[in-house]
N, C-alpha and C. Protein backbone atom coordinates (compact mmCIF):
# COMPACT_ATOMS: atom_id res chain seq x y z
N MET A 1 39.84 -15.82 24.09
CA MET A 1 39.33 -14.42 22.64
C MET A 1 38.78 -15.22 21.66
N ARG A 2 37.85 -14.27 21.16
CA ARG A 2 37.32 -14.85 20.19
C ARG A 2 37.99 -14.61 18.33
N GLU A 3 37.75 -15.11 17.25
CA GLU A 3 38.69 -15.06 16.32
C GLU A 3 37.50 -14.25 15.61
N ILE A 4 37.82 -13.59 14.29
CA ILE A 4 36.74 -13.40 13.12
C ILE A 4 37.79 -13.31 11.74
N ARG A 5 36.99 -13.67 11.10
CA ARG A 5 37.16 -13.83 9.64
C ARG A 5 37.14 -12.42 8.88
N VAL A 6 38.15 -11.70 8.57
CA VAL A 6 38.04 -9.81 8.13
C VAL A 6 38.48 -10.33 6.50
N ILE A 7 37.47 -9.10 5.65
CA ILE A 7 37.42 -9.46 4.40
C ILE A 7 37.86 -7.42 4.44
N ASP A 8 38.83 -7.29 3.20
CA ASP A 8 38.41 -5.55 2.84
C ASP A 8 38.39 -5.74 1.49
N GLY A 9 37.37 -5.09 1.16
CA GLY A 9 36.75 -4.70 0.29
C GLY A 9 36.63 -6.09 -0.46
N GLU A 10 37.28 -7.14 -1.45
CA GLU A 10 36.86 -8.18 -1.92
C GLU A 10 38.23 -9.01 -1.43
N THR A 11 39.38 -8.78 -1.09
CA THR A 11 39.76 -9.48 -0.58
C THR A 11 40.27 -10.33 0.78
N GLN A 12 40.19 -11.54 1.16
CA GLN A 12 39.82 -11.77 2.80
C GLN A 12 41.45 -11.67 2.77
N LEU A 13 41.66 -10.98 4.25
CA LEU A 13 42.71 -11.00 5.00
C LEU A 13 43.02 -12.17 6.04
N GLY A 14 41.73 -12.80 6.34
CA GLY A 14 42.07 -14.36 7.05
C GLY A 14 41.49 -14.20 8.20
N ILE A 15 41.80 -14.89 9.10
CA ILE A 15 41.05 -15.46 10.65
C ILE A 15 41.98 -14.13 11.46
N MET A 16 41.55 -13.32 12.04
CA MET A 16 42.16 -12.88 13.32
C MET A 16 41.77 -12.57 14.49
N SER A 17 42.50 -11.63 15.59
CA SER A 17 41.85 -11.41 16.82
C SER A 17 40.77 -9.80 16.07
N PRO A 18 39.50 -9.79 16.94
CA PRO A 18 39.50 -8.21 16.74
C PRO A 18 40.09 -6.98 16.56
N GLN A 19 41.43 -7.07 17.81
CA GLN A 19 42.26 -6.00 17.65
C GLN A 19 42.77 -5.62 16.93
N GLN A 20 43.24 -6.93 16.22
CA GLN A 20 44.19 -6.83 15.00
C GLN A 20 43.45 -5.99 13.51
N ALA A 21 41.84 -6.60 13.67
CA ALA A 21 41.32 -6.03 12.73
C ALA A 21 41.21 -4.28 12.86
N LEU A 22 40.81 -4.28 14.10
CA LEU A 22 40.37 -3.02 14.86
C LEU A 22 41.86 -1.95 14.00
N VAL A 23 43.15 -2.40 14.23
CA VAL A 23 44.03 -1.53 13.99
C VAL A 23 44.28 -1.31 12.57
N ILE A 24 43.86 -2.38 11.69
CA ILE A 24 43.82 -2.26 10.47
C ILE A 24 42.81 -1.33 9.89
N ALA A 25 42.22 -1.67 10.23
CA ALA A 25 40.70 -0.43 9.56
C ALA A 25 40.94 0.80 9.86
N ARG A 26 41.56 1.08 11.03
CA ARG A 26 41.96 2.41 11.79
C ARG A 26 42.92 3.09 10.92
N GLN A 27 44.15 2.16 10.46
CA GLN A 27 45.24 2.52 9.59
C GLN A 27 44.40 2.91 8.03
N LYS A 28 43.21 2.39 7.66
CA LYS A 28 42.86 2.69 6.62
C LYS A 28 41.98 3.73 6.30
N GLY A 29 42.06 4.35 7.69
CA GLY A 29 40.39 5.30 8.16
C GLY A 29 39.36 4.77 7.33
N LEU A 30 39.55 3.12 8.35
CA LEU A 30 37.73 3.04 7.84
C LEU A 30 37.42 2.28 8.85
N ASP A 31 36.01 1.47 8.95
CA ASP A 31 35.55 0.99 9.92
C ASP A 31 35.25 -0.48 10.15
N LEU A 32 35.44 -1.02 10.90
CA LEU A 32 35.14 -2.54 11.36
C LEU A 32 33.82 -2.81 10.99
N VAL A 33 33.27 -3.88 10.21
CA VAL A 33 31.54 -3.74 10.63
C VAL A 33 31.50 -4.96 10.29
N GLU A 34 30.35 -5.65 11.38
CA GLU A 34 30.32 -7.64 11.40
C GLU A 34 29.05 -7.31 10.52
N VAL A 35 29.15 -8.49 9.28
CA VAL A 35 28.37 -8.43 8.63
C VAL A 35 27.76 -10.02 8.49
N ALA A 36 28.33 -10.79 9.07
CA ALA A 36 27.65 -12.22 9.06
C ALA A 36 28.12 -12.56 10.59
N PRO A 37 27.26 -12.41 11.64
CA PRO A 37 27.56 -12.70 13.23
C PRO A 37 27.51 -14.13 13.36
N THR A 38 26.52 -14.70 12.49
CA THR A 38 25.87 -16.39 12.95
C THR A 38 27.00 -17.18 12.13
N ALA A 39 28.23 -16.45 11.73
CA ALA A 39 29.15 -17.46 10.71
C ALA A 39 30.00 -17.91 11.90
N GLN A 40 30.95 -19.08 11.29
CA GLN A 40 31.86 -19.53 12.32
C GLN A 40 32.84 -19.63 11.52
N PRO A 41 34.07 -18.86 11.90
CA PRO A 41 34.10 -17.65 12.69
C PRO A 41 33.31 -16.82 12.28
N PRO A 42 32.50 -15.68 12.94
CA PRO A 42 31.86 -14.39 12.44
C PRO A 42 32.56 -13.74 11.40
N VAL A 43 32.05 -13.10 10.72
CA VAL A 43 32.84 -12.32 9.52
C VAL A 43 32.49 -10.63 9.49
N CYS A 44 33.51 -10.18 9.51
CA CYS A 44 33.37 -8.57 9.71
C CYS A 44 34.56 -8.02 7.96
N ARG A 45 33.76 -6.93 8.20
CA ARG A 45 34.54 -6.33 7.00
C ARG A 45 34.68 -5.09 7.00
N ILE A 46 36.02 -4.83 6.70
CA ILE A 46 36.74 -3.36 6.52
C ILE A 46 35.98 -2.34 5.63
N MET A 47 35.18 -1.35 6.00
CA MET A 47 34.67 -0.40 5.31
C MET A 47 34.20 0.67 5.41
N ASP A 48 33.61 1.84 4.99
CA ASP A 48 33.05 3.18 5.66
C ASP A 48 31.36 2.80 6.16
N PHE A 49 31.58 2.99 6.94
CA PHE A 49 30.14 2.27 8.01
C PHE A 49 28.94 2.86 7.42
N GLY A 50 29.43 4.55 7.49
CA GLY A 50 28.13 5.76 7.13
C GLY A 50 27.77 5.39 5.69
N LYS A 51 28.49 5.06 4.25
CA LYS A 51 28.36 4.78 3.12
C LYS A 51 27.48 3.64 3.38
N TYR A 52 28.10 2.44 4.05
CA TYR A 52 27.45 1.25 4.11
C TYR A 52 25.46 1.24 4.53
N GLN A 53 25.88 2.04 5.99
CA GLN A 53 24.13 2.41 6.12
C GLN A 53 23.28 2.94 4.87
N TYR A 54 23.93 4.18 4.61
CA TYR A 54 23.14 4.93 3.28
C TYR A 54 23.04 3.89 1.97
N GLN A 55 23.56 2.83 1.74
CA GLN A 55 23.28 1.35 0.83
C GLN A 55 22.64 0.98 1.22
N GLU A 56 22.21 0.54 2.61
CA GLU A 56 21.33 0.17 3.21
C GLU A 56 20.09 0.19 3.22
N GLN A 57 19.87 1.93 3.42
CA GLN A 57 18.48 2.43 3.29
C GLN A 57 18.10 2.88 1.86
N LYS A 58 19.06 2.98 0.77
CA LYS A 58 18.48 3.28 -0.29
C LYS A 58 17.96 1.56 -1.02
N ARG A 59 18.76 0.66 -0.50
CA ARG A 59 17.91 -0.60 -1.05
C ARG A 59 16.41 -0.64 -0.44
N ALA A 60 16.58 -0.58 1.18
CA ALA A 60 15.58 -0.88 1.28
C ALA A 60 14.16 -0.04 0.68
N ARG A 61 14.48 1.41 0.41
CA ARG A 61 13.61 2.45 -0.56
C ARG A 61 13.28 2.09 -1.68
N GLU A 62 14.15 1.75 -2.53
CA GLU A 62 14.01 0.65 -3.39
C GLU A 62 12.69 -0.97 -3.17
N ALA A 63 12.92 -1.46 -2.74
CA ALA A 63 12.50 -2.61 -2.17
C ALA A 63 10.98 -1.80 -1.98
N ARG A 64 10.66 -0.78 -1.22
CA ARG A 64 9.38 -0.04 -0.90
C ARG A 64 8.62 -0.12 -1.98
N LYS A 65 9.41 0.70 -3.10
CA LYS A 65 8.70 1.20 -4.44
C LYS A 65 8.36 0.42 -5.03
N HIS A 66 8.67 -0.68 -4.79
CA HIS A 66 8.11 -1.86 -5.67
C HIS A 66 7.11 -2.36 -5.15
N GLN A 67 6.97 -2.73 -3.74
CA GLN A 67 5.70 -3.47 -3.30
C GLN A 67 4.50 -2.64 -3.76
N ARG A 68 3.58 -3.88 -3.47
CA ARG A 68 2.07 -2.94 -4.28
C ARG A 68 1.31 -3.46 -3.01
N VAL A 69 0.35 -2.43 -2.37
CA VAL A 69 -0.10 -2.65 -1.25
C VAL A 69 -1.76 -2.86 -1.59
N ILE A 70 -2.29 -4.03 -1.13
CA ILE A 70 -3.30 -4.51 -1.50
C ILE A 70 -4.65 -3.85 -0.82
N GLU A 71 -5.68 -3.41 -1.36
CA GLU A 71 -6.39 -2.52 -0.74
C GLU A 71 -7.92 -4.25 -0.74
N VAL A 72 -8.62 -3.43 0.18
CA VAL A 72 -9.81 -3.98 0.28
C VAL A 72 -10.87 -3.18 -0.01
N LYS A 73 -11.66 -3.21 -1.40
CA LYS A 73 -12.52 -2.28 -1.87
C LYS A 73 -13.94 -2.91 -1.30
N GLU A 74 -14.81 -2.15 -1.18
CA GLU A 74 -16.26 -2.64 -0.81
C GLU A 74 -17.42 -2.24 -1.78
N ILE A 75 -17.98 -3.02 -2.39
CA ILE A 75 -18.98 -2.59 -3.01
C ILE A 75 -20.43 -3.30 -3.00
N LYS A 76 -21.19 -2.31 -2.39
CA LYS A 76 -22.56 -2.47 -2.08
C LYS A 76 -23.82 -2.52 -2.67
N PHE A 77 -24.41 -3.85 -2.71
CA PHE A 77 -25.49 -4.08 -3.36
C PHE A 77 -26.89 -4.19 -2.45
N ARG A 78 -28.30 -3.76 -3.07
CA ARG A 78 -29.45 -4.45 -2.10
C ARG A 78 -29.94 -5.38 -2.66
N PRO A 79 -31.33 -5.99 -1.75
CA PRO A 79 -32.07 -7.44 -2.52
C PRO A 79 -32.52 -6.86 -3.28
N LYS A 80 -32.75 -5.97 -3.81
CA LYS A 80 -33.91 -5.48 -4.84
C LYS A 80 -33.15 -4.71 -6.16
N VAL A 81 -31.65 -5.04 -5.86
CA VAL A 81 -30.63 -4.50 -7.10
C VAL A 81 -31.36 -4.71 -8.83
N ASP A 82 -31.46 -3.62 -9.35
CA ASP A 82 -31.68 -3.60 -10.58
C ASP A 82 -30.60 -4.43 -11.84
N GLU A 83 -31.02 -4.87 -12.78
CA GLU A 83 -29.80 -5.44 -13.27
C GLU A 83 -28.66 -4.70 -13.99
N HIS A 84 -28.96 -3.22 -14.18
CA HIS A 84 -28.20 -2.53 -14.98
C HIS A 84 -27.13 -2.28 -14.05
N ASP A 85 -27.64 -2.16 -12.76
CA ASP A 85 -26.80 -1.70 -11.62
C ASP A 85 -26.04 -2.73 -11.24
N TYR A 86 -26.80 -4.20 -11.58
CA TYR A 86 -25.80 -5.57 -11.15
C TYR A 86 -24.70 -5.27 -11.90
N GLN A 87 -24.69 -5.25 -13.24
CA GLN A 87 -23.70 -4.92 -14.14
C GLN A 87 -22.83 -3.81 -14.09
N PHE A 88 -23.33 -3.12 -13.81
CA PHE A 88 -22.23 -1.37 -13.49
C PHE A 88 -21.28 -2.17 -12.59
N LYS A 89 -21.60 -2.40 -11.32
CA LYS A 89 -21.05 -2.86 -9.95
C LYS A 89 -20.20 -3.95 -9.99
N LYS A 90 -20.41 -5.19 -10.96
CA LYS A 90 -19.71 -6.00 -11.14
C LYS A 90 -18.67 -5.83 -12.20
N SER A 91 -18.79 -4.74 -13.27
CA SER A 91 -17.67 -4.35 -13.71
C SER A 91 -16.63 -3.48 -12.81
N HIS A 92 -17.09 -2.78 -12.32
CA HIS A 92 -16.20 -1.99 -10.94
C HIS A 92 -15.59 -3.14 -10.74
N ILE A 93 -16.22 -4.28 -9.67
CA ILE A 93 -15.22 -5.17 -9.31
C ILE A 93 -14.21 -6.09 -10.16
N GLU A 94 -14.55 -6.15 -11.52
CA GLU A 94 -13.85 -6.54 -12.31
C GLU A 94 -12.40 -5.92 -12.54
N ARG A 95 -12.93 -4.49 -12.51
CA ARG A 95 -11.60 -3.86 -12.57
C ARG A 95 -10.92 -3.40 -11.31
N PHE A 96 -11.33 -3.45 -10.27
CA PHE A 96 -10.76 -3.47 -8.88
C PHE A 96 -10.01 -5.07 -8.79
N LEU A 97 -10.29 -5.95 -9.19
CA LEU A 97 -9.53 -7.31 -9.08
C LEU A 97 -8.54 -7.53 -10.21
N ALA A 98 -8.50 -6.66 -11.43
CA ALA A 98 -7.51 -6.45 -12.16
C ALA A 98 -6.45 -5.40 -12.03
N GLU A 99 -6.94 -4.49 -11.02
CA GLU A 99 -5.64 -3.83 -10.30
C GLU A 99 -4.99 -4.71 -9.72
N GLY A 100 -5.44 -5.47 -8.76
CA GLY A 100 -4.86 -6.02 -7.84
C GLY A 100 -5.65 -6.67 -6.16
N ASP A 101 -6.46 -5.64 -6.31
CA ASP A 101 -7.43 -5.15 -4.85
C ASP A 101 -8.44 -6.40 -4.68
N LYS A 102 -8.36 -6.56 -3.56
CA LYS A 102 -9.41 -7.24 -2.55
C LYS A 102 -10.88 -6.47 -3.28
N VAL A 103 -11.58 -7.73 -2.71
CA VAL A 103 -13.53 -7.11 -2.98
C VAL A 103 -14.35 -7.57 -2.13
N LYS A 104 -14.77 -6.56 -1.24
CA LYS A 104 -16.02 -7.55 -0.54
C LYS A 104 -17.14 -6.81 -0.66
N ALA A 105 -18.02 -7.82 -1.41
CA ALA A 105 -19.02 -7.44 -2.14
C ALA A 105 -20.65 -7.69 -0.61
N THR A 106 -21.16 -6.52 -0.39
CA THR A 106 -22.14 -6.59 0.63
C THR A 106 -23.57 -6.41 0.13
N ILE A 107 -24.30 -7.06 0.49
CA ILE A 107 -25.56 -6.77 0.78
C ILE A 107 -26.66 -6.17 1.74
N TYR A 108 -26.55 -5.02 1.47
CA TYR A 108 -27.55 -4.29 2.84
C TYR A 108 -28.87 -4.57 3.24
N PHE A 109 -29.29 -5.02 4.07
CA PHE A 109 -31.12 -5.37 4.49
C PHE A 109 -31.54 -4.16 4.88
N ARG A 110 -32.46 -4.00 4.82
CA ARG A 110 -33.11 -2.87 5.22
C ARG A 110 -34.96 -3.31 5.81
N GLY A 111 -35.12 -3.06 6.91
CA GLY A 111 -36.45 -3.10 7.05
C GLY A 111 -37.11 -4.62 7.13
N ARG A 112 -37.69 -4.83 6.37
CA ARG A 112 -38.43 -6.40 6.38
C ARG A 112 -37.46 -7.03 5.25
N GLU A 113 -36.59 -6.65 4.48
CA GLU A 113 -36.05 -7.28 3.90
C GLU A 113 -35.29 -8.48 4.32
N ILE A 114 -34.76 -7.92 5.53
CA ILE A 114 -33.99 -8.96 6.13
C ILE A 114 -34.42 -10.25 6.40
N ALA A 115 -36.07 -10.06 6.53
CA ALA A 115 -36.87 -11.54 6.47
C ALA A 115 -36.43 -12.79 5.35
N HIS A 116 -35.72 -12.29 4.16
CA HIS A 116 -35.80 -13.22 2.66
C HIS A 116 -34.05 -12.86 2.67
N PRO A 117 -33.19 -13.87 3.57
CA PRO A 117 -31.74 -13.62 3.24
C PRO A 117 -31.05 -14.41 2.04
N GLU A 118 -32.16 -15.12 2.08
CA GLU A 118 -31.99 -15.53 0.49
C GLU A 118 -31.51 -14.85 -0.77
N ILE A 119 -32.65 -13.92 -1.06
CA ILE A 119 -32.54 -13.14 -1.83
C ILE A 119 -31.33 -12.63 -2.10
N GLY A 120 -30.79 -12.01 -1.01
CA GLY A 120 -29.20 -11.60 -0.79
C GLY A 120 -28.19 -13.06 -1.17
N ARG A 121 -28.18 -14.06 -0.47
CA ARG A 121 -27.20 -15.25 -0.84
C ARG A 121 -27.67 -15.84 -2.59
N ARG A 122 -28.55 -15.39 -2.99
CA ARG A 122 -28.79 -15.66 -4.54
C ARG A 122 -27.60 -14.50 -5.85
N ILE A 123 -27.86 -13.29 -5.19
CA ILE A 123 -27.10 -12.19 -6.00
C ILE A 123 -25.72 -12.76 -5.89
N LEU A 124 -25.66 -12.59 -4.59
CA LEU A 124 -23.86 -13.51 -4.17
C LEU A 124 -23.58 -14.40 -4.88
N GLU A 125 -24.35 -15.31 -4.88
CA GLU A 125 -23.60 -16.56 -5.42
C GLU A 125 -23.56 -16.49 -6.79
N ARG A 126 -24.60 -15.65 -7.82
CA ARG A 126 -24.57 -15.00 -8.68
C ARG A 126 -22.91 -14.61 -9.37
N LEU A 127 -22.96 -13.69 -8.67
CA LEU A 127 -21.80 -12.81 -8.66
C LEU A 127 -20.76 -13.50 -8.72
N ILE A 128 -20.63 -14.79 -7.84
CA ILE A 128 -19.39 -15.38 -7.40
C ILE A 128 -19.18 -16.17 -8.72
N GLN A 129 -20.27 -16.80 -9.03
CA GLN A 129 -20.24 -18.18 -10.56
C GLN A 129 -20.01 -16.93 -11.63
N GLU A 130 -20.40 -15.94 -11.86
CA GLU A 130 -20.15 -15.08 -13.05
C GLU A 130 -18.95 -14.69 -13.11
N LEU A 131 -17.86 -14.35 -11.77
CA LEU A 131 -16.64 -13.98 -11.78
C LEU A 131 -15.65 -15.01 -11.42
N ALA A 132 -16.20 -16.57 -11.66
CA ALA A 132 -15.43 -17.57 -11.37
C ALA A 132 -14.14 -17.67 -12.20
N GLU A 133 -13.46 -17.14 -13.32
CA GLU A 133 -12.62 -16.98 -14.13
C GLU A 133 -11.76 -16.28 -13.83
N VAL A 134 -12.01 -15.06 -12.90
CA VAL A 134 -11.01 -14.01 -12.70
C VAL A 134 -10.67 -13.68 -11.19
N ALA A 135 -11.83 -14.46 -10.78
CA ALA A 135 -12.02 -14.41 -8.96
C ALA A 135 -11.83 -15.43 -7.94
N VAL A 136 -11.60 -15.62 -7.47
CA VAL A 136 -11.48 -16.61 -6.16
C VAL A 136 -12.24 -16.15 -4.57
N THR A 137 -13.13 -17.00 -4.05
CA THR A 137 -13.72 -16.63 -2.96
C THR A 137 -12.95 -17.25 -2.12
N GLU A 138 -12.77 -15.62 -0.93
CA GLU A 138 -12.26 -16.01 0.22
C GLU A 138 -12.76 -16.60 1.25
N SER A 139 -14.32 -15.67 1.18
CA SER A 139 -14.98 -16.33 2.50
C SER A 139 -16.66 -16.45 1.72
N MET A 140 -17.12 -17.00 2.13
CA MET A 140 -18.71 -17.82 1.29
C MET A 140 -19.60 -16.68 1.56
N PRO A 141 -20.72 -16.33 1.13
CA PRO A 141 -21.59 -15.26 1.98
C PRO A 141 -22.09 -15.43 2.93
N ARG A 142 -22.06 -14.70 3.71
CA ARG A 142 -22.27 -15.13 5.42
C ARG A 142 -22.97 -13.44 5.84
N MET A 143 -23.65 -13.98 6.81
CA MET A 143 -24.65 -13.01 7.52
C MET A 143 -23.97 -12.34 8.72
N GLU A 144 -24.09 -11.42 8.66
CA GLU A 144 -23.72 -10.57 10.04
C GLU A 144 -24.64 -9.43 10.16
N GLY A 145 -25.41 -9.29 11.17
CA GLY A 145 -26.58 -8.27 11.53
C GLY A 145 -27.32 -8.49 10.50
N ASN A 146 -27.23 -6.76 9.63
CA ASN A 146 -28.45 -6.89 8.85
C ASN A 146 -27.33 -7.05 7.57
N THR A 147 -26.63 -7.26 7.21
CA THR A 147 -25.82 -7.83 5.71
C THR A 147 -25.35 -8.85 6.08
N MET A 148 -24.96 -9.10 4.86
CA MET A 148 -24.46 -10.46 4.10
C MET A 148 -23.13 -10.09 3.21
N HIS A 149 -21.91 -10.92 3.45
CA HIS A 149 -21.02 -10.36 2.77
C HIS A 149 -20.53 -11.54 2.14
N THR A 150 -19.22 -11.48 1.06
CA THR A 150 -18.65 -12.02 0.84
C THR A 150 -16.99 -11.54 0.20
N ILE A 151 -15.93 -12.14 0.38
CA ILE A 151 -14.74 -11.31 -0.05
C ILE A 151 -13.89 -12.03 -1.56
N LEU A 152 -13.79 -11.38 -2.15
CA LEU A 152 -13.27 -12.01 -3.25
C LEU A 152 -11.69 -11.68 -3.61
N SER A 153 -11.22 -12.13 -4.42
CA SER A 153 -9.80 -11.73 -4.39
C SER A 153 -9.10 -12.08 -5.79
N HIS A 154 -8.48 -11.51 -6.33
CA HIS A 154 -7.60 -12.38 -8.10
C HIS A 154 -7.31 -13.62 -7.90
N LYS A 155 -7.53 -14.19 -8.88
CA LYS A 155 -7.54 -15.80 -9.20
C LYS A 155 -6.05 -15.62 -9.58
N PRO A 156 -5.05 -16.50 -8.80
CA PRO A 156 -3.75 -16.52 -9.41
C PRO A 156 -3.99 -17.23 -10.55
N GLY A 157 -3.03 -16.31 -11.91
CA GLY A 157 -3.04 -17.45 -13.37
C GLY A 157 -4.04 -16.69 -14.16
N ALA A 158 -4.84 -15.91 -13.23
CA ALA A 158 -5.92 -14.79 -14.50
C ALA A 158 -5.06 -13.73 -14.83
N LYS A 159 -5.18 -13.13 -16.24
CA LYS A 159 -4.42 -11.93 -16.53
C LYS A 159 -4.73 -10.53 -15.66
N LEU A 160 -3.86 -9.88 -15.12
CA LEU A 160 -4.28 -8.31 -14.75
C LEU A 160 -4.65 -7.54 -15.78
N GLN A 161 -5.66 -7.53 -16.38
CA GLN A 161 -5.82 -6.41 -16.87
C GLN A 161 -7.02 -5.61 -16.79
N ALA A 162 -7.43 -4.53 -16.90
CA ALA A 162 -8.59 -3.97 -16.81
C ALA A 162 -9.59 -4.44 -17.46
N PRO A 163 -10.61 -4.44 -17.37
CA PRO A 163 -11.77 -4.52 -18.81
C PRO A 163 -11.65 -3.34 -19.67
N LYS A 164 -11.82 -3.26 -21.14
CA LYS A 164 -11.66 -2.31 -22.06
C LYS A 164 -13.05 -1.12 -21.59
N ALA A 165 -12.86 0.13 -21.30
CA ALA A 165 -14.06 1.11 -21.22
C ALA A 165 -14.72 0.89 -22.79
N PRO A 166 -15.92 1.25 -22.19
CA PRO A 166 -17.06 1.39 -23.76
C PRO A 166 -16.35 2.97 -24.58
N PRO A 167 -16.60 2.54 -25.69
CA PRO A 167 -15.95 3.63 -26.74
C PRO A 167 -16.84 5.05 -26.05
N THR A 168 -16.03 6.05 -26.10
CA THR A 168 -16.53 7.24 -25.75
C THR A 168 -17.52 7.84 -27.13
N THR A 169 -18.28 9.05 -27.20
CA THR A 169 -19.44 9.29 -27.97
C THR A 169 -18.32 10.22 -29.37
N ALA A 170 -17.41 10.39 -29.27
CA ALA A 170 -16.76 11.37 -30.37
C ALA A 170 -15.99 9.77 -30.80
N GLN A 171 -15.84 8.46 -30.52
CA GLN A 171 -15.14 7.26 -30.95
C GLN A 171 -16.14 7.01 -32.03
N ASN A 172 -17.82 6.82 -31.15
CA ASN A 172 -18.85 6.27 -31.83
C ASN A 172 -19.77 7.14 -33.22
N GLN A 173 -18.75 8.34 -33.18
CA GLN A 173 -19.14 9.46 -34.23
C GLN A 173 -18.50 9.18 -35.82
N ALA A 174 -16.95 9.15 -35.35
CA ALA A 174 -16.05 8.54 -36.39
C ALA A 174 -16.18 7.29 -37.50
């Protein structure tokens, strides 16, 4: 016959047979719940099982509430990207990284542009270099079909703050 260690609330009742523990639990109108099955001997607690389940569900919900789901955002470039468009998209990437998301920077080649993949590689390498203090490159620029892409993630140790937005026109007039 197997022996179990029984706990009632915060006090230990000692080591006894499961039948004895069940009798004590029923006298108190509570349940006998195994809380540490791998211990020697296994540990059981006398408690209200419904209340225990509710507390566990509540703890699980609380843990889920504090989790952050990391999304992969995609920013698309073209080989002939204008400087303003490049800077605008780069600021979006900085914001996404500051929010804790990963960014997939993609260059789309159309038609004859595919004959010059070095143009796209230069754009991605420039992006990686300019974002070096806030981003880590998870995958180097790589060609797949008519696209070239790289994946960037937030650099551990870099501050998690979005870049400040430019002042609005109302602020400029003041």
